[in-house]
Amino acid sequence: RPMKPALLQHFLLQNYNGVEYNLALDPTEQFLYALAGTQLHVLNVDANGMVSETAAPIDLPGVTSASQPVGIAVVRK
């Protein structure tokens, strides 16, 4: 119900204690991508909308802690 949102889950990313600043849901709604710091986190989304992070975060090549990547594009193969 869009007019009465409810908190389903509080989730913390693996190996990261900052703020996720870019999120993107893939077209199948099975994966949620979170850009956080210098890493990309891939979360699995189950049928109830709950998320889990089953793979280690991906370090973005060429990105240093002095930079802040912005934006995620998700396309279907």
PDB file of N, CA and C in Angstrom:
ATOM      1  N   ARG A   1       0.846  -1.169   0.000  1.00  0.00           N
ATOM      2  CA  ARG A   1       0.000   0.000   0.000  1.00  0.00           C
ATOM      3  C   ARG A   1       0.893   1.234   0.000  1.00  0.00           C
ATOM      4  N   PRO A   2       0.946   1.942  -1.101  1.00  0.00           N
ATOM      5  CA  PRO A   2       1.857   3.076  -1.241  1.00  0.00           C
ATOM      6  C   PRO A   2       1.629   4.205  -0.236  1.00  0.00           C
ATOM      7  N   MET A   3       0.414   4.381   0.243  1.00  0.00           N
ATOM      8  CA  MET A   3       0.145   5.499   1.155  1.00  0.00           C
ATOM      9  C   MET A   3       0.470   5.166   2.612  1.00  0.00           C
ATOM     10  N   LYS A   4       0.762   3.901   2.898  1.00  0.00           N
ATOM     11  CA  LYS A   4       1.093   3.493   4.259  1.00  0.00           C
ATOM     12  C   LYS A   4       2.326   2.590   4.249  1.00  0.00           C
ATOM     13  N   PRO A   5       3.503   3.157   3.934  1.00  0.00           N
ATOM     14  CA  PRO A   5       4.710   2.322   3.895  1.00  0.00           C
ATOM     15  C   PRO A   5       5.037   1.773   5.286  1.00  0.00           C
ATOM     16  N   ALA A   6       5.648   0.617   5.302  1.00  0.00           N
ATOM     17  CA  ALA A   6       6.033  -0.025   6.557  1.00  0.00           C
ATOM     18  C   ALA A   6       7.468  -0.525   6.435  1.00  0.00           C
ATOM     19  N   LEU A   7       8.236  -0.396   7.499  1.00  0.00           N
ATOM     20  CA  LEU A   7       9.601  -0.896   7.527  1.00  0.00           C
ATOM     21  C   LEU A   7       9.558  -2.417   7.590  1.00  0.00           C
ATOM     22  N   LEU A   8      10.161  -3.070   6.598  1.00  0.00           N
ATOM     23  CA  LEU A   8      10.206  -4.521   6.563  1.00  0.00           C
ATOM     24  C   LEU A   8      11.519  -5.070   7.106  1.00  0.00           C
ATOM     25  N   GLN A   9      12.597  -4.296   6.907  1.00  0.00           N
ATOM     26  CA  GLN A   9      13.914  -4.827   7.229  1.00  0.00           C
ATOM     27  C   GLN A   9      14.896  -3.679   7.414  1.00  0.00           C
ATOM     28  N   HIS A  10      15.796  -3.826   8.382  1.00  0.00           N
ATOM     29  CA  HIS A  10      16.925  -2.917   8.539  1.00  0.00           C
ATOM     30  C   HIS A  10      18.137  -3.726   8.104  1.00  0.00           C
ATOM     31  N   PHE A  11      18.863  -3.236   7.101  1.00  0.00           N
ATOM     32  CA  PHE A  11      19.940  -4.029   6.502  1.00  0.00           C
ATOM     33  C   PHE A  11      21.219  -3.216   6.448  1.00  0.00           C
ATOM     34  N   LEU A  12      22.335  -3.824   6.848  1.00  0.00           N
ATOM     35  CA  LEU A  12      23.648  -3.186   6.763  1.00  0.00           C
ATOM     36  C   LEU A  12      24.482  -3.897   5.702  1.00  0.00           C
ATOM     37  N   LEU A  13      25.146  -3.120   4.865  1.00  0.00           N
ATOM     38  CA  LEU A  13      26.002  -3.685   3.825  1.00  0.00           C
ATOM     39  C   LEU A  13      27.244  -4.314   4.436  1.00  0.00           C
ATOM     40  N   GLN A  14      27.783  -5.341   3.763  1.00  0.00           N
ATOM     41  CA  GLN A  14      29.016  -5.983   4.195  1.00  0.00           C
ATOM     42  C   GLN A  14      30.184  -5.002   4.135  1.00  0.00           C
ATOM     43  N   ASN A  15      31.003  -5.002   5.151  1.00  0.00           N
ATOM     44  CA  ASN A  15      32.259  -4.238   5.166  1.00  0.00           C
ATOM     45  C   ASN A  15      32.084  -2.759   4.855  1.00  0.00           C
ATOM     46  N   TYR A  16      30.978  -2.170   5.265  1.00  0.00           N
ATOM     47  CA  TYR A  16      30.761  -0.744   4.998  1.00  0.00           C
ATOM     48  C   TYR A  16      29.893  -0.161   6.097  1.00  0.00           C
ATOM     49  N   ASN A  17      30.328   0.972   6.640  1.00  0.00           N
ATOM     50  CA  ASN A  17      29.548   1.599   7.710  1.00  0.00           C
ATOM     51  C   ASN A  17      29.205   3.047   7.388  1.00  0.00           C
ATOM     52  N   GLY A  18      29.227   3.388   6.121  1.00  0.00           N
ATOM     53  CA  GLY A  18      28.880   4.742   5.698  1.00  0.00           C
ATOM     54  C   GLY A  18      27.469   4.805   5.144  1.00  0.00           C
ATOM     55  N   VAL A  19      27.271   5.719   4.224  1.00  0.00           N
ATOM     56  CA  VAL A  19      25.951   5.926   3.631  1.00  0.00           C
ATOM     57  C   VAL A  19      25.965   5.457   2.181  1.00  0.00           C
ATOM     58  N   GLU A  20      24.959   4.687   1.798  1.00  0.00           N
ATOM     59  CA  GLU A  20      24.803   4.307   0.398  1.00  0.00           C
ATOM     60  C   GLU A  20      24.200   5.509  -0.310  1.00  0.00           C
ATOM     61  N   TYR A  21      24.790   5.940  -1.395  1.00  0.00           N
ATOM     62  CA  TYR A  21      24.298   7.166  -2.018  1.00  0.00           C
ATOM     63  C   TYR A  21      23.716   6.952  -3.402  1.00  0.00           C
ATOM     64  N   ASN A  22      23.749   5.745  -3.919  1.00  0.00           N
ATOM     65  CA  ASN A  22      23.096   5.436  -5.182  1.00  0.00           C
ATOM     66  C   ASN A  22      22.548   4.017  -5.096  1.00  0.00           C
ATOM     67  N   LEU A  23      21.282   3.863  -5.430  1.00  0.00           N
ATOM     68  CA  LEU A  23      20.638   2.550  -5.435  1.00  0.00           C
ATOM     69  C   LEU A  23      19.935   2.354  -6.770  1.00  0.00           C
ATOM     70  N   ALA A  24      19.931   1.118  -7.267  1.00  0.00           N
ATOM     71  CA  ALA A  24      19.199   0.816  -8.508  1.00  0.00           C
ATOM     72  C   ALA A  24      18.682  -0.609  -8.428  1.00  0.00           C
ATOM     73  N   LEU A  25      17.427  -0.783  -8.797  1.00  0.00           N
ATOM     74  CA  LEU A  25      16.788  -2.089  -8.852  1.00  0.00           C
ATOM     75  C   LEU A  25      16.820  -2.558 -10.299  1.00  0.00           C
ATOM     76  N   ASP A  26      17.226  -3.824 -10.518  1.00  0.00           N
ATOM     77  CA  ASP A  26      17.287  -4.295 -11.897  1.00  0.00           C
ATOM     78  C   ASP A  26      15.872  -4.526 -12.438  1.00  0.00           C
ATOM     79  N   PRO A  27      15.703  -4.619 -13.768  1.00  0.00           N
ATOM     80  CA  PRO A  27      14.367  -4.745 -14.364  1.00  0.00           C
ATOM     81  C   PRO A  27      13.584  -5.972 -13.893  1.00  0.00           C
ATOM     82  N   THR A  28      14.268  -7.035 -13.466  1.00  0.00           N
ATOM     83  CA  THR A  28      13.576  -8.234 -12.992  1.00  0.00           C
ATOM     84  C   THR A  28      13.162  -8.116 -11.529  1.00  0.00           C
ATOM     85  N   GLU A  29      13.631  -7.071 -10.850  1.00  0.00           N
ATOM     86  CA  GLU A  29      13.393  -6.820  -9.425  1.00  0.00           C
ATOM     87  C   GLU A  29      13.950  -7.926  -8.538  1.00  0.00           C
ATOM     88  N   GLN A  30      14.987  -8.627  -9.018  1.00  0.00           N
ATOM     89  CA  GLN A  30      15.632  -9.684  -8.246  1.00  0.00           C
ATOM     90  C   GLN A  30      16.926  -9.217  -7.604  1.00  0.00           C
ATOM     91  N   PHE A  31      17.480  -8.086  -8.085  1.00  0.00           N
ATOM     92  CA  PHE A  31      18.746  -7.584  -7.569  1.00  0.00           C
ATOM     93  C   PHE A  31      18.653  -6.088  -7.315  1.00  0.00           C
ATOM     94  N   LEU A  32      19.245  -5.671  -6.206  1.00  0.00           N
ATOM     95  CA  LEU A  32      19.348  -4.254  -5.868  1.00  0.00           C
ATOM     96  C   LEU A  32      20.827  -3.926  -5.797  1.00  0.00           C
ATOM     97  N   TYR A  33      21.245  -2.915  -6.539  1.00  0.00           N
ATOM     98  CA  TYR A  33      22.643  -2.503  -6.576  1.00  0.00           C
ATOM     99  C   TYR A  33      22.816  -1.255  -5.726  1.00  0.00           C
ATOM    100  N   ALA A  34      23.847  -1.255  -4.883  1.00  0.00           N
ATOM    101  CA  ALA A  34      24.111  -0.119  -4.009  1.00  0.00           C
ATOM    102  C   ALA A  34      25.548   0.335  -4.209  1.00  0.00           C
ATOM    103  N   LEU A  35      25.725   1.591  -4.580  1.00  0.00           N
ATOM    104  CA  LEU A  35      27.039   2.186  -4.722  1.00  0.00           C
ATOM    105  C   LEU A  35      27.370   2.844  -3.395  1.00  0.00           C
ATOM    106  N   ALA A  36      28.442   2.381  -2.763  1.00  0.00           N
ATOM    107  CA  ALA A  36      28.794   2.870  -1.432  1.00  0.00           C
ATOM    108  C   ALA A  36      30.306   2.996  -1.328  1.00  0.00           C
ATOM    109  N   GLY A  37      30.767   4.204  -1.113  1.00  0.00           N
ATOM    110  CA  GLY A  37      32.211   4.428  -1.044  1.00  0.00           C
ATOM    111  C   GLY A  37      32.854   4.080  -2.369  1.00  0.00           C
ATOM    112  N   THR A  38      33.831   3.181  -2.336  1.00  0.00           N
ATOM    113  CA  THR A  38      34.529   2.764  -3.555  1.00  0.00           C
ATOM    114  C   THR A  38      34.100   1.359  -3.980  1.00  0.00           C
ATOM    115  N   GLN A  39      32.927   0.926  -3.516  1.00  0.00           N
ATOM    116  CA  GLN A  39      32.467  -0.424  -3.797  1.00  0.00           C
ATOM    117  C   GLN A  39      31.050  -0.459  -4.352  1.00  0.00           C
ATOM    118  N   LEU A  40      30.784  -1.520  -5.118  1.00  0.00           N
ATOM    119  CA  LEU A  40      29.442  -1.816  -5.592  1.00  0.00           C
ATOM    120  C   LEU A  40      28.967  -3.055  -4.848  1.00  0.00           C
ATOM    121  N   HIS A  41      27.812  -2.956  -4.202  1.00  0.00           N
ATOM    122  CA  HIS A  41      27.217  -4.070  -3.472  1.00  0.00           C
ATOM    123  C   HIS A  41      26.035  -4.587  -4.277  1.00  0.00           C
ATOM    124  N   VAL A  42      25.932  -5.907  -4.396  1.00  0.00           N
ATOM    125  CA  VAL A  42      24.834  -6.542  -5.121  1.00  0.00           C
ATOM    126  C   VAL A  42      23.990  -7.301  -4.101  1.00  0.00           C
ATOM    127  N   LEU A  43      22.740  -6.885  -3.967  1.00  0.00           N
ATOM    128  CA  LEU A  43      21.840  -7.503  -2.999  1.00  0.00           C
ATOM    129  C   LEU A  43      20.802  -8.343  -3.735  1.00  0.00           C
ATOM    130  N   ASN A  44      20.486  -9.499  -3.186  1.00  0.00           N
ATOM    131  CA  ASN A  44      19.416 -10.335  -3.722  1.00  0.00           C
ATOM    132  C   ASN A  44      18.111  -9.874  -3.098  1.00  0.00           C
ATOM    133  N   VAL A  45      17.051  -9.802  -3.891  1.00  0.00           N
ATOM    134  CA  VAL A  45      15.730  -9.411  -3.402  1.00  0.00           C
ATOM    135  C   VAL A  45      14.820 -10.634  -3.529  1.00  0.00           C
ATOM    136  N   ASP A  46      14.251 -11.076  -2.399  1.00  0.00           N
ATOM    137  CA  ASP A  46      13.374 -12.247  -2.474  1.00  0.00           C
ATOM    138  C   ASP A  46      11.942 -11.834  -2.803  1.00  0.00           C
ATOM    139  N   ALA A  47      11.057 -12.799  -2.916  1.00  0.00           N
ATOM    140  CA  ALA A  47       9.675 -12.544  -3.325  1.00  0.00           C
ATOM    141  C   ALA A  47       8.913 -11.656  -2.348  1.00  0.00           C
ATOM    142  N   ASN A  48       9.364 -11.593  -1.096  1.00  0.00           N
ATOM    143  CA  ASN A  48       8.709 -10.752  -0.085  1.00  0.00           C
ATOM    144  C   ASN A  48       9.329  -9.363   0.023  1.00  0.00           C
ATOM    145  N   GLY A  49      10.333  -9.077  -0.825  1.00  0.00           N
ATOM    146  CA  GLY A  49      10.976  -7.774  -0.793  1.00  0.00           C
ATOM    147  C   GLY A  49      12.133  -7.674   0.182  1.00  0.00           C
ATOM    148  N   MET A  50      12.493  -8.776   0.826  1.00  0.00           N
ATOM    149  CA  MET A  50      13.614  -8.783   1.760  1.00  0.00           C
ATOM    150  C   MET A  50      14.916  -8.913   0.966  1.00  0.00           C
ATOM    151  N   VAL A  51      15.980  -8.279   1.465  1.00  0.00           N
ATOM    152  CA  VAL A  51      17.255  -8.314   0.761  1.00  0.00           C
ATOM    153  C   VAL A  51      18.295  -9.089   1.557  1.00  0.00           C
ATOM    154  N   SER A  52      19.274  -9.637   0.826  1.00  0.00           N
ATOM    155  CA  SER A  52      20.428 -10.293   1.433  1.00  0.00           C
ATOM    156  C   SER A  52      21.627 -10.029   0.534  1.00  0.00           C
ATOM    157  N   GLU A  53      22.789 -10.006   1.141  1.00  0.00           N
ATOM    158  CA  GLU A  53      24.021  -9.785   0.374  1.00  0.00           C
ATOM    159  C   GLU A  53      24.842 -11.064   0.459  1.00  0.00           C
ATOM    160  N   THR A  54      24.813 -11.875  -0.596  1.00  0.00           N
ATOM    161  CA  THR A  54      25.453 -13.184  -0.569  1.00  0.00           C
ATOM    162  C   THR A  54      26.838 -13.192  -1.206  1.00  0.00           C
ATOM    163  N   ALA A  55      27.210 -12.100  -1.871  1.00  0.00           N
ATOM    164  CA  ALA A  55      28.528 -12.004  -2.501  1.00  0.00           C
ATOM    165  C   ALA A  55      29.295 -10.835  -1.892  1.00  0.00           C
ATOM    166  N   ALA A  56      30.603 -10.933  -1.920  1.00  0.00           N
ATOM    167  CA  ALA A  56      31.441  -9.850  -1.411  1.00  0.00           C
ATOM    168  C   ALA A  56      31.266  -8.614  -2.289  1.00  0.00           C
ATOM    169  N   PRO A  57      31.380  -7.414  -1.699  1.00  0.00           N
ATOM    170  CA  PRO A  57      31.289  -6.192  -2.507  1.00  0.00           C
ATOM    171  C   PRO A  57      32.405  -6.144  -3.551  1.00  0.00           C
ATOM    172  N   ILE A  58      32.135  -5.451  -4.642  1.00  0.00           N
ATOM    173  CA  ILE A  58      33.093  -5.333  -5.746  1.00  0.00           C
ATOM    174  C   ILE A  58      33.813  -3.994  -5.622  1.00  0.00           C
ATOM    175  N   ASP A  59      35.144  -4.035  -5.531  1.00  0.00           N
ATOM    176  CA  ASP A  59      35.934  -2.806  -5.519  1.00  0.00           C
ATOM    177  C   ASP A  59      35.934  -2.218  -6.927  1.00  0.00           C
ATOM    178  N   LEU A  60      35.588  -0.950  -7.047  1.00  0.00           N
ATOM    179  CA  LEU A  60      35.550  -0.293  -8.352  1.00  0.00           C
ATOM    180  C   LEU A  60      36.970   0.045  -8.787  1.00  0.00           C
ATOM    181  N   PRO A  61      37.383  -0.404  -9.965  1.00  0.00           N
ATOM    182  CA  PRO A  61      38.752  -0.158 -10.420  1.00  0.00           C
ATOM    183  C   PRO A  61      38.994   1.326 -10.688  1.00  0.00           C
ATOM    184  N   GLY A  62      40.146   1.800 -10.265  1.00  0.00           N
ATOM    185  CA  GLY A  62      40.536   3.184 -10.527  1.00  0.00           C
ATOM    186  C   GLY A  62      39.862   4.213  -9.639  1.00  0.00           C
ATOM    187  N   VAL A  63      39.066   3.777  -8.667  1.00  0.00           N
ATOM    188  CA  VAL A  63      38.362   4.705  -7.779  1.00  0.00           C
ATOM    189  C   VAL A  63      39.092   4.745  -6.447  1.00  0.00           C
ATOM    190  N   THR A  64      39.432   5.942  -6.003  1.00  0.00           N
ATOM    191  CA  THR A  64      40.124   6.101  -4.726  1.00  0.00           C
ATOM    192  C   THR A  64      39.163   6.676  -3.694  1.00  0.00           C
ATOM    193  N   SER A  65      39.584   6.657  -2.439  1.00  0.00           N
ATOM    194  CA  SER A  65      38.739   7.197  -1.370  1.00  0.00           C
ATOM    195  C   SER A  65      38.568   8.708  -1.504  1.00  0.00           C
ATOM    196  N   ALA A  66      39.421   9.368  -2.312  1.00  0.00           N
ATOM    197  CA  ALA A  66      39.308  10.813  -2.526  1.00  0.00           C
ATOM    198  C   ALA A  66      38.235  11.161  -3.553  1.00  0.00           C
ATOM    199  N   SER A  67      37.753  10.168  -4.279  1.00  0.00           N
ATOM    200  CA  SER A  67      36.722  10.416  -5.294  1.00  0.00           C
ATOM    201  C   SER A  67      35.400   9.807  -4.838  1.00  0.00           C
ATOM    202  N   GLN A  68      34.333  10.210  -5.490  1.00  0.00           N
ATOM    203  CA  GLN A  68      33.013   9.681  -5.156  1.00  0.00           C
ATOM    204  C   GLN A  68      32.259   9.404  -6.444  1.00  0.00           C
ATOM    205  N   PRO A  69      32.218   8.128  -6.865  1.00  0.00           N
ATOM    206  CA  PRO A  69      31.473   7.809  -8.081  1.00  0.00           C
ATOM    207  C   PRO A  69      29.989   8.074  -7.884  1.00  0.00           C
ATOM    208  N   VAL A  70      29.329   8.464  -8.959  1.00  0.00           N
ATOM    209  CA  VAL A  70      27.905   8.808  -8.883  1.00  0.00           C
ATOM    210  C   VAL A  70      27.177   8.125 -10.025  1.00  0.00           C
ATOM    211  N   GLY A  71      26.053   7.492  -9.707  1.00  0.00           N
ATOM    212  CA  GLY A  71      25.167   6.940 -10.715  1.00  0.00           C
ATOM    213  C   GLY A  71      25.347   5.467 -10.966  1.00  0.00           C
ATOM    214  N   ILE A  72      24.218   4.811 -11.202  1.00  0.00           N
ATOM    215  CA  ILE A  72      24.191   3.400 -11.559  1.00  0.00           C
ATOM    216  C   ILE A  72      23.199   3.247 -12.717  1.00  0.00           C
ATOM    217  N   ALA A  73      23.618   2.524 -13.742  1.00  0.00           N
ATOM    218  CA  ALA A  73      22.712   2.190 -14.838  1.00  0.00           C
ATOM    219  C   ALA A  73      22.547   0.682 -14.850  1.00  0.00           C
ATOM    220  N   VAL A  74      21.320   0.212 -14.853  1.00  0.00           N
ATOM    221  CA  VAL A  74      21.048  -1.230 -14.857  1.00  0.00           C
ATOM    222  C   VAL A  74      20.276  -1.548 -16.134  1.00  0.00           C
ATOM    223  N   VAL A  75      20.827  -2.473 -16.920  1.00  0.00           N
ATOM    224  CA  VAL A  75      20.172  -2.868 -18.166  1.00  0.00           C
ATOM    225  C   VAL A  75      20.014  -4.373 -18.200  1.00  0.00           C
ATOM    226  N   ARG A  76      19.040  -4.829 -18.935  1.00  0.00           N
ATOM    227  CA  ARG A  76      18.805  -6.267 -19.082  1.00  0.00           C
ATOM    228  C   ARG A  76      19.644  -6.773 -20.238  1.00  0.00           C
ATOM    229  N   LYS A  77      20.281  -7.934 -20.043  1.00  0.00           N
ATOM    230  CA  LYS A  77      21.093  -8.526 -21.110  1.00  0.00           C
ATOM    231  C   LYS A  77      20.211  -9.187 -22.129  1.00  0.00           C
TER     232      LYS A  77
END
